Amino acid sequence: MIFLIFAYTISFGLLLGLSYFVIFSYSKSKKILENIDRKK
């Protein structure tokens, strides 16, 4: 039972970290694209 909770916590943490990384990289690339559009 303790192992199940431990595994669930790790998987949840990984999912949260992955989604945060995706959102961060998406916003970063969006800013870069906006900067390129302004230069034109």
Protein backbone atom coordinates (compact mmCIF):
# COMPACT_ATOMS: atom_id res chain seq x y z
CA MET A 1 0.00 0.00 0.00
CA ILE A 2 2.80 2.42 0.91
CA PHE A 3 4.63 1.49 -2.31
CA LEU A 4 1.47 2.23 -4.32
CA ILE A 5 1.15 5.72 -2.82
CA PHE A 6 4.89 6.29 -3.40
CA ALA A 7 4.66 5.24 -7.06
CA TYR A 8 1.52 7.35 -7.55
CA THR A 9 3.25 10.42 -6.08
CA ILE A 10 6.29 9.97 -8.35
CA SER A 11 4.16 9.53 -11.49
CA PHE A 12 2.06 12.57 -10.56
CA GLY A 13 5.20 14.65 -9.96
CA LEU A 14 6.68 13.60 -13.30
CA LEU A 15 3.43 14.45 -15.10
CA LEU A 16 3.29 17.85 -13.39
CA GLY A 17 6.93 18.58 -14.24
CA LEU A 18 6.45 17.50 -17.85
CA SER A 19 3.37 19.69 -18.34
CA TYR A 20 5.19 22.64 -16.72
CA PHE A 21 8.16 22.12 -19.05
CA VAL A 22 5.88 21.98 -22.12
CA ILE A 23 4.08 25.21 -21.12
CA PHE A 24 7.41 26.93 -20.38
CA SER A 25 8.98 25.91 -23.71
CA TYR A 26 5.77 26.86 -25.58
CA SER A 27 5.69 30.37 -24.07
CA LYS A 28 9.43 30.75 -24.73
CA SER A 29 9.09 29.77 -28.41
CA LYS A 30 6.04 32.07 -28.71
CA LYS A 31 8.14 35.03 -27.49
CA ILE A 32 10.90 34.17 -29.98
CA LEU A 33 8.36 34.01 -32.82
CA GLU A 34 6.92 37.40 -31.78
CA ASN A 35 10.42 38.91 -31.80
CA ILE A 36 11.04 37.54 -35.32
CA ASP A 37 7.73 39.00 -36.53
CA ARG A 38 8.65 42.44 -35.16
CA LYS A 39 12.00 42.42 -36.99
CA LYS A 40 10.34 41.96 -40.40
